[in-house]
Structures are given as C-alpha cells and as structure tokens.
C-alpha cells in the first residue's frame, strides 16, 4: 500500500482540518472546486505546504486536511481576495463549513 500523507510530529505547522457538509449529489462538484482552487491559488500562497481532500463514502462530507508553515501564513491566505473568492464559492456548494486549526500531537504508521 502506498503512503499518501507524511504527517510529522517534529515539525511545527498549522494543520487545517475543514469539514464540509454537502448534499451527496454535489460532493464531486465541491471536491473539484477545492482541487482547482488549490492548484490555481492556494499552493502559490506563501507558507502553503499541502492539501488533501477526502470524500465520505455516504457522500455527505468532504474533509480538507491542509498544512501551512504557520498560523500567520494561514491567516494571510484568509485575507487574500483571490483565495477568499474560492472559499466563498465552496461555501455556496456546502451546507455547512467547519474549519479549525490543529497541532499534530501523535502520528502512527506501520
């Protein structure tokens, strides 16, 4: 099995876990928008490290697991008009958006 993420507890980063609630018939649309926004905008912003999108099997959730070099970089992205436009579009597809910043405390792999 291939490793799809490298989560490092020794590196201090701002980890964003954003839970989107979405109608199942719009889940793919939301993921496509988030992926496009990442490729076109987010990954070109200072401090961007990575973004991963996860689709729940019931179609009702999309999880964005992203990392930024610092909370300051994440907050700067939030105030960027181009990045904001993408986030506003995502909010029109999702019925609820729950972004939170986290610290990686523990990681385990085989």
N, C-alpha and C. Protein backbone atom coordinates (compact mmCIF):
# COMPACT_ATOMS: atom_id res chain seq x y z
N UNK A 1 0.85 -1.18 0.00
CA UNK A 1 0.00 0.00 0.00
C UNK A 1 0.89 1.24 0.00
N UNK A 2 0.59 2.20 -0.84
CA UNK A 2 1.38 3.43 -0.94
C UNK A 2 1.03 4.39 0.19
N UNK A 3 2.01 5.12 0.64
CA UNK A 3 1.79 6.15 1.65
C UNK A 3 1.23 7.38 0.95
N UNK A 4 0.13 7.94 1.46
CA UNK A 4 -0.49 9.09 0.82
C UNK A 4 -0.27 10.38 1.58
N UNK A 5 0.22 10.32 2.80
CA UNK A 5 0.49 11.53 3.58
C UNK A 5 1.67 11.26 4.49
N UNK A 6 2.46 12.28 4.71
CA UNK A 6 3.57 12.18 5.64
C UNK A 6 3.32 13.18 6.75
N UNK A 7 2.83 12.71 7.87
CA UNK A 7 2.50 13.57 8.99
C UNK A 7 3.65 13.51 9.97
N UNK A 8 4.26 14.64 10.23
CA UNK A 8 5.48 14.73 11.02
C UNK A 8 5.20 15.46 12.33
N UNK A 9 5.35 14.77 13.45
CA UNK A 9 5.10 15.39 14.75
C UNK A 9 6.23 16.31 15.20
N UNK A 10 7.38 16.26 14.52
CA UNK A 10 8.52 17.07 14.94
C UNK A 10 8.53 18.45 14.27
N UNK A 11 7.70 18.63 13.29
CA UNK A 11 7.66 19.91 12.56
C UNK A 11 6.46 20.72 13.01
N UNK A 12 6.69 21.93 13.44
CA UNK A 12 5.60 22.80 13.88
C UNK A 12 4.96 23.45 12.67
N UNK A 13 3.73 23.06 12.39
CA UNK A 13 2.97 23.61 11.27
C UNK A 13 1.55 23.89 11.75
N UNK A 14 0.83 24.67 10.96
CA UNK A 14 -0.59 24.90 11.21
C UNK A 14 -1.35 23.89 10.35
N UNK A 15 -2.07 22.99 11.00
CA UNK A 15 -2.84 21.98 10.28
C UNK A 15 -4.30 22.38 10.27
N UNK A 16 -4.82 22.55 9.08
CA UNK A 16 -6.23 22.88 8.90
C UNK A 16 -7.00 21.60 8.62
N UNK A 17 -8.03 21.36 9.40
CA UNK A 17 -8.99 20.31 9.09
C UNK A 17 -10.33 21.02 8.94
N UNK A 18 -10.82 21.01 7.70
CA UNK A 18 -12.05 21.71 7.37
C UNK A 18 -13.08 20.66 6.96
N UNK A 19 -14.16 20.59 7.71
CA UNK A 19 -15.22 19.62 7.44
C UNK A 19 -16.37 20.35 6.73
N UNK A 20 -16.63 19.92 5.51
CA UNK A 20 -17.74 20.46 4.72
C UNK A 20 -18.88 19.46 4.75
N UNK A 21 -20.08 19.92 5.02
CA UNK A 21 -21.28 19.11 4.87
C UNK A 21 -21.87 19.48 3.51
N UNK A 22 -22.26 18.47 2.75
CA UNK A 22 -22.68 18.72 1.37
C UNK A 22 -23.76 17.71 0.99
N UNK A 23 -24.65 18.10 0.09
CA UNK A 23 -25.60 17.14 -0.47
C UNK A 23 -24.81 16.12 -1.28
N UNK A 24 -25.15 14.84 -1.15
CA UNK A 24 -24.37 13.81 -1.86
C UNK A 24 -24.23 14.06 -3.36
N UNK A 25 -25.24 14.64 -3.98
CA UNK A 25 -25.14 14.87 -5.43
C UNK A 25 -24.22 16.04 -5.78
N UNK A 26 -23.70 16.74 -4.76
CA UNK A 26 -22.79 17.86 -5.00
C UNK A 26 -21.39 17.61 -4.46
N UNK A 27 -21.15 16.44 -3.87
CA UNK A 27 -19.85 16.14 -3.29
C UNK A 27 -18.73 16.24 -4.32
N UNK A 28 -18.90 15.61 -5.47
CA UNK A 28 -17.86 15.63 -6.51
C UNK A 28 -17.61 17.05 -7.01
N UNK A 29 -18.65 17.84 -7.12
CA UNK A 29 -18.52 19.24 -7.54
C UNK A 29 -17.68 20.03 -6.55
N UNK A 30 -17.93 19.81 -5.26
CA UNK A 30 -17.16 20.52 -4.23
C UNK A 30 -15.69 20.10 -4.27
N UNK A 31 -15.42 18.81 -4.38
CA UNK A 31 -14.03 18.35 -4.43
C UNK A 31 -13.33 18.93 -5.66
N UNK A 32 -14.00 18.96 -6.78
CA UNK A 32 -13.40 19.53 -8.00
C UNK A 32 -13.07 21.01 -7.80
N UNK A 33 -13.97 21.74 -7.17
CA UNK A 33 -13.73 23.16 -6.91
C UNK A 33 -12.55 23.35 -5.96
N UNK A 34 -12.49 22.56 -4.89
CA UNK A 34 -11.40 22.68 -3.93
C UNK A 34 -10.06 22.32 -4.56
N UNK A 35 -10.05 21.29 -5.38
CA UNK A 35 -8.81 20.88 -6.06
C UNK A 35 -8.35 21.97 -7.03
N UNK A 36 -9.29 22.53 -7.78
CA UNK A 36 -8.95 23.61 -8.72
C UNK A 36 -8.44 24.84 -7.96
N UNK A 37 -9.10 25.19 -6.88
CA UNK A 37 -8.67 26.34 -6.07
C UNK A 37 -7.27 26.13 -5.53
N UNK A 38 -6.96 24.90 -5.13
CA UNK A 38 -5.63 24.59 -4.61
C UNK A 38 -4.59 24.74 -5.70
N UNK A 39 -4.85 24.16 -6.86
CA UNK A 39 -3.89 24.22 -7.97
C UNK A 39 -3.70 25.65 -8.49
N UNK A 40 -4.79 26.40 -8.60
CA UNK A 40 -4.72 27.74 -9.19
C UNK A 40 -4.26 28.82 -8.21
N UNK A 41 -4.58 28.65 -6.93
CA UNK A 41 -4.37 29.75 -5.98
C UNK A 41 -3.63 29.34 -4.72
N UNK A 42 -4.19 28.43 -3.95
CA UNK A 42 -3.68 28.16 -2.61
C UNK A 42 -2.21 27.75 -2.59
N UNK A 43 -1.83 26.85 -3.49
CA UNK A 43 -0.46 26.34 -3.43
C UNK A 43 0.58 27.39 -3.85
N UNK A 44 0.12 28.50 -4.37
CA UNK A 44 1.03 29.58 -4.75
C UNK A 44 1.13 30.66 -3.67
N UNK A 45 0.42 30.48 -2.57
CA UNK A 45 0.47 31.44 -1.47
C UNK A 45 1.63 31.09 -0.55
N UNK A 46 2.28 32.12 0.01
CA UNK A 46 3.40 31.87 0.92
C UNK A 46 2.96 30.97 2.09
N UNK A 47 3.79 30.01 2.41
CA UNK A 47 3.55 29.15 3.56
C UNK A 47 2.74 27.90 3.28
N UNK A 48 2.20 27.76 2.07
CA UNK A 48 1.43 26.57 1.75
C UNK A 48 2.35 25.34 1.74
N UNK A 49 1.91 24.27 2.37
CA UNK A 49 2.67 23.01 2.37
C UNK A 49 1.93 21.95 1.56
N UNK A 50 0.68 21.67 1.92
CA UNK A 50 -0.05 20.62 1.22
C UNK A 50 -1.54 20.74 1.48
N UNK A 51 -2.31 20.07 0.64
CA UNK A 51 -3.75 19.95 0.84
C UNK A 51 -4.19 18.59 0.35
N UNK A 52 -5.08 17.98 1.09
CA UNK A 52 -5.64 16.67 0.74
C UNK A 52 -7.14 16.74 0.94
N UNK A 53 -7.89 16.12 0.04
CA UNK A 53 -9.35 16.15 0.13
C UNK A 53 -9.86 14.73 0.25
N UNK A 54 -10.76 14.53 1.20
CA UNK A 54 -11.30 13.21 1.49
C UNK A 54 -12.82 13.27 1.32
N UNK A 55 -13.38 12.29 0.63
CA UNK A 55 -14.82 12.21 0.40
C UNK A 55 -15.40 11.09 1.26
N UNK A 56 -16.40 11.41 2.06
CA UNK A 56 -17.04 10.36 2.86
C UNK A 56 -17.78 9.42 1.93
N UNK A 57 -17.85 8.18 2.32
CA UNK A 57 -18.49 7.18 1.47
C UNK A 57 -20.00 7.38 1.35
N UNK A 58 -20.60 8.09 2.32
CA UNK A 58 -22.04 8.35 2.22
C UNK A 58 -22.34 9.59 1.38
N UNK A 59 -21.27 10.29 0.93
CA UNK A 59 -21.45 11.45 0.07
C UNK A 59 -21.76 12.75 0.78
N UNK A 60 -21.88 12.72 2.10
CA UNK A 60 -22.36 13.89 2.84
C UNK A 60 -21.26 14.77 3.43
N UNK A 61 -20.01 14.35 3.34
CA UNK A 61 -18.92 15.15 3.91
C UNK A 61 -17.74 15.18 2.96
N UNK A 62 -17.03 16.30 3.02
CA UNK A 62 -15.73 16.44 2.38
C UNK A 62 -14.81 16.97 3.46
N UNK A 63 -13.66 16.35 3.63
CA UNK A 63 -12.67 16.80 4.61
C UNK A 63 -11.48 17.36 3.85
N UNK A 64 -11.09 18.56 4.20
CA UNK A 64 -9.87 19.17 3.68
C UNK A 64 -8.84 19.09 4.80
N UNK A 65 -7.78 18.34 4.57
CA UNK A 65 -6.65 18.27 5.50
C UNK A 65 -5.52 19.01 4.82
N UNK A 66 -5.18 20.19 5.34
CA UNK A 66 -4.15 21.01 4.72
C UNK A 66 -3.15 21.47 5.77
N UNK A 67 -1.94 21.77 5.31
CA UNK A 67 -0.94 22.29 6.24
C UNK A 67 -0.30 23.54 5.68
N UNK A 68 -0.04 24.48 6.60
CA UNK A 68 0.61 25.75 6.32
C UNK A 68 1.81 25.86 7.23
N UNK A 69 2.82 26.56 6.81
CA UNK A 69 4.04 26.69 7.62
C UNK A 69 3.77 27.29 8.99
N UNK A 70 2.77 28.16 9.08
CA UNK A 70 2.44 28.77 10.37
C UNK A 70 1.00 29.27 10.34
N UNK A 71 0.47 29.56 11.51
CA UNK A 71 -0.86 30.15 11.58
C UNK A 71 -0.87 31.52 10.88
N UNK A 72 0.23 32.24 10.97
CA UNK A 72 0.33 33.55 10.30
C UNK A 72 0.14 33.40 8.78
N UNK A 73 0.77 32.38 8.19
CA UNK A 73 0.60 32.14 6.76
C UNK A 73 -0.85 31.78 6.44
N UNK A 74 -1.45 30.95 7.25
CA UNK A 74 -2.85 30.57 7.05
C UNK A 74 -3.76 31.80 7.13
N UNK A 75 -3.56 32.63 8.13
CA UNK A 75 -4.38 33.83 8.29
C UNK A 75 -4.18 34.81 7.13
N UNK A 76 -2.97 34.92 6.63
CA UNK A 76 -2.71 35.79 5.47
C UNK A 76 -3.48 35.29 4.26
N UNK A 77 -3.52 33.97 4.07
CA UNK A 77 -4.29 33.41 2.96
C UNK A 77 -5.76 33.76 3.10
N UNK A 78 -6.29 33.71 4.31
CA UNK A 78 -7.70 34.03 4.53
C UNK A 78 -8.06 35.45 4.12
N UNK A 79 -7.10 36.36 4.21
CA UNK A 79 -7.40 37.75 3.85
C UNK A 79 -7.08 38.06 2.38
N UNK A 80 -6.57 37.08 1.65
CA UNK A 80 -6.25 37.26 0.23
C UNK A 80 -7.55 37.21 -0.59
N UNK A 81 -7.86 38.25 -1.37
CA UNK A 81 -9.13 38.29 -2.11
C UNK A 81 -9.32 37.12 -3.08
N UNK A 82 -8.27 36.69 -3.76
CA UNK A 82 -8.40 35.58 -4.70
C UNK A 82 -8.70 34.28 -3.97
N UNK A 83 -8.00 34.03 -2.88
CA UNK A 83 -8.26 32.83 -2.08
C UNK A 83 -9.66 32.90 -1.47
N UNK A 84 -10.04 34.05 -1.01
CA UNK A 84 -11.36 34.26 -0.40
C UNK A 84 -12.48 33.93 -1.40
N UNK A 85 -12.29 34.33 -2.66
CA UNK A 85 -13.31 34.06 -3.68
C UNK A 85 -13.55 32.57 -3.83
N UNK A 86 -12.48 31.77 -3.82
CA UNK A 86 -12.63 30.32 -3.91
C UNK A 86 -13.37 29.77 -2.69
N UNK A 87 -13.02 30.26 -1.51
CA UNK A 87 -13.67 29.78 -0.30
C UNK A 87 -15.15 30.15 -0.28
N UNK A 88 -15.45 31.35 -0.76
CA UNK A 88 -16.85 31.77 -0.82
C UNK A 88 -17.66 30.89 -1.77
N UNK A 89 -17.05 30.50 -2.90
CA UNK A 89 -17.74 29.60 -3.85
C UNK A 89 -17.98 28.23 -3.20
N UNK A 90 -16.99 27.74 -2.48
CA UNK A 90 -17.16 26.45 -1.80
C UNK A 90 -18.30 26.51 -0.79
N UNK A 91 -18.44 27.63 -0.12
CA UNK A 91 -19.50 27.80 0.88
C UNK A 91 -20.89 27.83 0.24
N UNK A 92 -20.97 28.13 -1.05
CA UNK A 92 -22.28 28.10 -1.72
C UNK A 92 -22.67 26.67 -2.11
N UNK A 93 -21.70 25.77 -2.18
CA UNK A 93 -21.98 24.37 -2.50
C UNK A 93 -22.26 23.59 -1.22
N UNK A 94 -21.48 23.84 -0.19
CA UNK A 94 -21.64 23.14 1.09
C UNK A 94 -22.80 23.74 1.87
N UNK A 95 -23.42 22.91 2.70
CA UNK A 95 -24.48 23.41 3.58
C UNK A 95 -23.92 23.83 4.93
N UNK A 96 -22.69 23.40 5.23
CA UNK A 96 -22.03 23.79 6.47
C UNK A 96 -20.52 23.66 6.26
N UNK A 97 -19.76 24.57 6.85
CA UNK A 97 -18.31 24.56 6.73
C UNK A 97 -17.73 24.76 8.13
N UNK A 98 -16.84 23.85 8.55
CA UNK A 98 -16.28 23.88 9.90
C UNK A 98 -14.76 23.84 9.87
N UNK A 99 -14.09 24.98 9.56
CA UNK A 99 -12.62 24.98 9.56
C UNK A 99 -12.07 25.14 10.98
N UNK A 100 -11.02 24.39 11.30
CA UNK A 100 -10.33 24.51 12.58
C UNK A 100 -8.84 24.26 12.35
N UNK A 101 -8.00 24.97 13.10
CA UNK A 101 -6.56 24.72 13.08
C UNK A 101 -6.21 23.76 14.20
N UNK A 102 -5.27 22.85 13.92
CA UNK A 102 -4.85 21.83 14.87
C UNK A 102 -3.33 21.74 14.92
N UNK A 103 -2.84 21.12 15.97
CA UNK A 103 -1.43 20.72 16.09
C UNK A 103 -1.38 19.21 15.91
N UNK A 104 -0.37 18.74 15.25
CA UNK A 104 -0.16 17.30 15.17
C UNK A 104 0.49 16.87 16.47
N UNK A 105 -0.18 16.02 17.23
CA UNK A 105 0.32 15.58 18.53
C UNK A 105 0.92 14.18 18.46
N UNK A 106 0.38 13.36 17.59
CA UNK A 106 0.82 11.98 17.53
C UNK A 106 0.54 11.43 16.14
N UNK A 107 1.47 10.65 15.59
CA UNK A 107 1.29 10.03 14.28
C UNK A 107 1.82 8.60 14.37
N UNK A 108 1.11 7.67 13.72
CA UNK A 108 1.47 6.25 13.78
C UNK A 108 1.36 5.64 12.39
N UNK A 109 2.28 4.80 12.05
CA UNK A 109 2.20 4.09 10.78
C UNK A 109 2.88 2.74 10.93
N UNK A 110 2.64 1.91 10.00
CA UNK A 110 3.21 0.56 10.04
C UNK A 110 4.57 0.57 9.39
